[in-house]
C-alpha atoms as a PDB file:
ATOM      1  CA  MET A   1      65.967 106.436 102.790  1.00  0.00           C
ATOM      2  CA  GLN A   2      69.873 105.693 103.678  1.00  0.00           C
ATOM      3  CA  ILE A   3      68.547 102.067 104.563  1.00  0.00           C
ATOM      4  CA  LEU A   4      67.342 101.902 101.223  1.00  0.00           C
ATOM      5  CA  VAL A   5      70.394 103.159  99.751  1.00  0.00           C
ATOM      6  CA  MET A   6      72.977 100.490 101.820  1.00  0.00           C
ATOM      7  CA  ALA A   7      70.317  98.106 100.938  1.00  0.00           C
ATOM      8  CA  ALA A   8      70.686  99.107  97.405  1.00  0.00           C
ATOM      9  CA  ILE A   9      74.793  98.467  97.390  1.00  0.00           C
ATOM     10  CA  VAL A  10      73.993  95.287  99.394  1.00  0.00           C
ATOM     11  CA  ALA A  11      72.105  93.801  97.122  1.00  0.00           C
ATOM     12  CA  THR A  12      73.951  94.767  93.561  1.00  0.00           C
ATOM     13  CA  MET A  13      77.538  93.839  95.753  1.00  0.00           C
ATOM     14  CA  LEU A  14      75.864  90.252  96.075  1.00  0.00           C
ATOM     15  CA  VAL A  15      74.389  90.324  93.105  1.00  0.00           C
ATOM     16  CA  TRP A  16      77.106  89.210  90.895  1.00  0.00           C
ATOM     17  CA  PRO A  17      79.570  86.913  93.546  1.00  0.00           C
ATOM     18  CA  ALA A  18      76.141  84.858  94.440  1.00  0.00           C
ATOM     19  CA  GLY A  19      74.617  84.776  90.880  1.00  0.00           C
ATOM     20  CA  ILE A  20      77.860  82.895  89.388  1.00  0.00           C
ATOM     21  CA  VAL A  21      78.363  80.758  92.636  1.00  0.00           C
ATOM     22  CA  LEU A  22      74.134  79.418  91.667  1.00  0.00           C
ATOM     23  CA  ALA A  23      74.775  79.026  88.484  1.00  0.00           C
ATOM     24  CA  LEU A  24      77.582  77.108  88.351  1.00  0.00           C
ATOM     25  CA  LEU A  25      76.203  75.288  91.011  1.00  0.00           C
ATOM     26  CA  LEU A  26      73.151  74.339  89.407  1.00  0.00           C
ATOM     27  CA  ASN A  27      75.444  73.629  86.397  1.00  0.00           C
ATOM     28  CA  LEU A  28      76.366  70.565  88.252  1.00  0.00           C
ATOM     29  CA  PHE A  29      72.609  69.030  88.537  1.00  0.00           C
ATOM     30  CA  GLY A  30      71.823  69.824  84.839  1.00  0.00           C
ATOM     31  CA  VAL A  31      70.767  73.191  85.054  1.00  0.00           C
ATOM     32  CA  GLY A  32      71.709  75.646  82.179  1.00  0.00           C
ATOM     33  CA  ILE A  33      73.139  79.398  82.795  1.00  0.00           C
ATOM     34  CA  ASP A  34      71.015  80.664  80.195  1.00  0.00           C
ATOM     35  CA  ALA A  35      67.855  78.872  82.244  1.00  0.00           C
ATOM     36  CA  PHE A  36      68.777  79.918  85.470  1.00  0.00           C
ATOM     37  CA  VAL A  37      69.403  84.099  84.815  1.00  0.00           C
ATOM     38  CA  THR A  38      65.702  83.560  82.259  1.00  0.00           C
ATOM     39  CA  PHE A  39      64.019  81.937  85.923  1.00  0.00           C
ATOM     40  CA  GLY A  40      63.305  78.614  82.935  1.00  0.00           C
ATOM     41  CA  GLY A  41      62.640  80.897  80.115  1.00  0.00           C
ATOM     42  CA  THR A  42      59.703  82.845  81.911  1.00  0.00           C
ATOM     43  CA  LEU A  43      61.612  85.950  81.299  1.00  0.00           C
ATOM     44  CA  ASN A  44      64.002  87.101  78.871  1.00  0.00           C
ATOM     45  CA  ARG A  45      67.731  87.970  80.291  1.00  0.00           C
ATOM     46  CA  PHE A  46      67.265  91.762  81.210  1.00  0.00           C
ATOM     47  CA  THR A  47      64.426  91.167  83.482  1.00  0.00           C
ATOM     48  CA  GLY A  48      65.866  88.180  84.414  1.00  0.00           C
ATOM     49  CA  LEU A  49      68.797  89.698  85.490  1.00  0.00           C
ATOM     50  CA  VAL A  50      66.730  92.782  87.590  1.00  0.00           C
ATOM     51  CA  ALA A  51      64.088  90.145  89.250  1.00  0.00           C
ATOM     52  CA  MET A  52      67.785  88.598  90.862  1.00  0.00           C
ATOM     53  CA  TRP A  53      68.939  92.036  92.023  1.00  0.00           C
ATOM     54  CA  ALA A  54      65.302  92.396  93.115  1.00  0.00           C
ATOM     55  CA  LEU A  55      65.251  89.411  94.965  1.00  0.00           C
ATOM     56  CA  ALA A  56      68.912  90.227  96.730  1.00  0.00           C
ATOM     57  CA  PHE A  57      68.020  93.845  97.444  1.00  0.00           C
ATOM     58  CA  ALA A  58      64.758  92.124  99.217  1.00  0.00           C
ATOM     59  CA  GLY A  59      66.683  90.097 101.499  1.00  0.00           C
ATOM     60  CA  ALA A  60      69.324  93.041 102.100  1.00  0.00           C
ATOM     61  CA  VAL A  61      66.960  95.202 103.014  1.00  0.00           C
ATOM     62  CA  PRO A  62      66.706  93.502 106.790  1.00  0.00           C
ATOM     63  CA  TYR A  63      70.428  93.198 107.046  1.00  0.00           C
ATOM     64  CA  ALA A  64      70.683  97.103 106.341  1.00  0.00           C
ATOM     65  CA  VAL A  65      67.539  97.511 108.714  1.00  0.00           C
ATOM     66  CA  PHE A  66      69.849  95.369 111.738  1.00  0.00           C
ATOM     67  CA  VAL A  67      72.727  96.730 110.882  1.00  0.00           C
ATOM     68  CA  ALA A  68      71.353 100.235 110.723  1.00  0.00           C
ATOM     69  CA  PHE A  69      69.776 100.278 114.422  1.00  0.00           C
ATOM     70  CA  ASN A  70      72.404  97.618 115.928  1.00  0.00           C
ATOM     71  CA  ALA A  71      75.793  99.528 115.018  1.00  0.00           C
ATOM     72  CA  PRO A  72      77.679 100.953 117.308  1.00  0.00           C
ATOM     73  CA  VAL A  73      78.763 104.500 116.376  1.00  0.00           C
ATOM     74  CA  GLY A  74      81.021 106.921 117.182  1.00  0.00           C
ATOM     75  CA  ALA A  75      83.149 105.983 120.303  1.00  0.00           C
ATOM     76  CA  ARG A  76      81.019 103.518 121.987  1.00  0.00           C
ATOM     77  CA  SER A  77      82.416 100.954 119.486  1.00  0.00           C
ATOM     78  CA  PHE A  78      85.296 100.360 121.117  1.00  0.00           C
ATOM     79  CA  PRO A  79      84.608 100.578 124.942  1.00  0.00           C
ATOM     80  CA  TRP A  80      88.119 100.696 126.186  1.00  0.00           C
ATOM     81  CA  GLN A  81      89.475 103.597 124.534  1.00  0.00           C
ATOM     82  CA  LYS A  82      89.085 106.591 127.080  1.00  0.00           C
ATOM     83  CA  LYS A  83      87.022 109.382 126.227  1.00  0.00           C
ATOM     84  CA  ARG A  84      89.110 113.141 125.461  1.00  0.00           C
END
């Protein structure tokens, strides 16, 4: 459960900046922001944003699993420190 919460936090923090950058880059190639958010008019704006969040969440889950199982814990993160 903690991994899913961490992935949800990462996805929420990632959606807006990445979406803005992608929308501006796609705008250079003639794709409008509304077309980007609505996936070409297939979805309305709200469901388009939810779908973008779901895509970000799907990408954040492997990241959260990797961090959860590979992050050093406690004093092990600083091997040069002496144990007390």
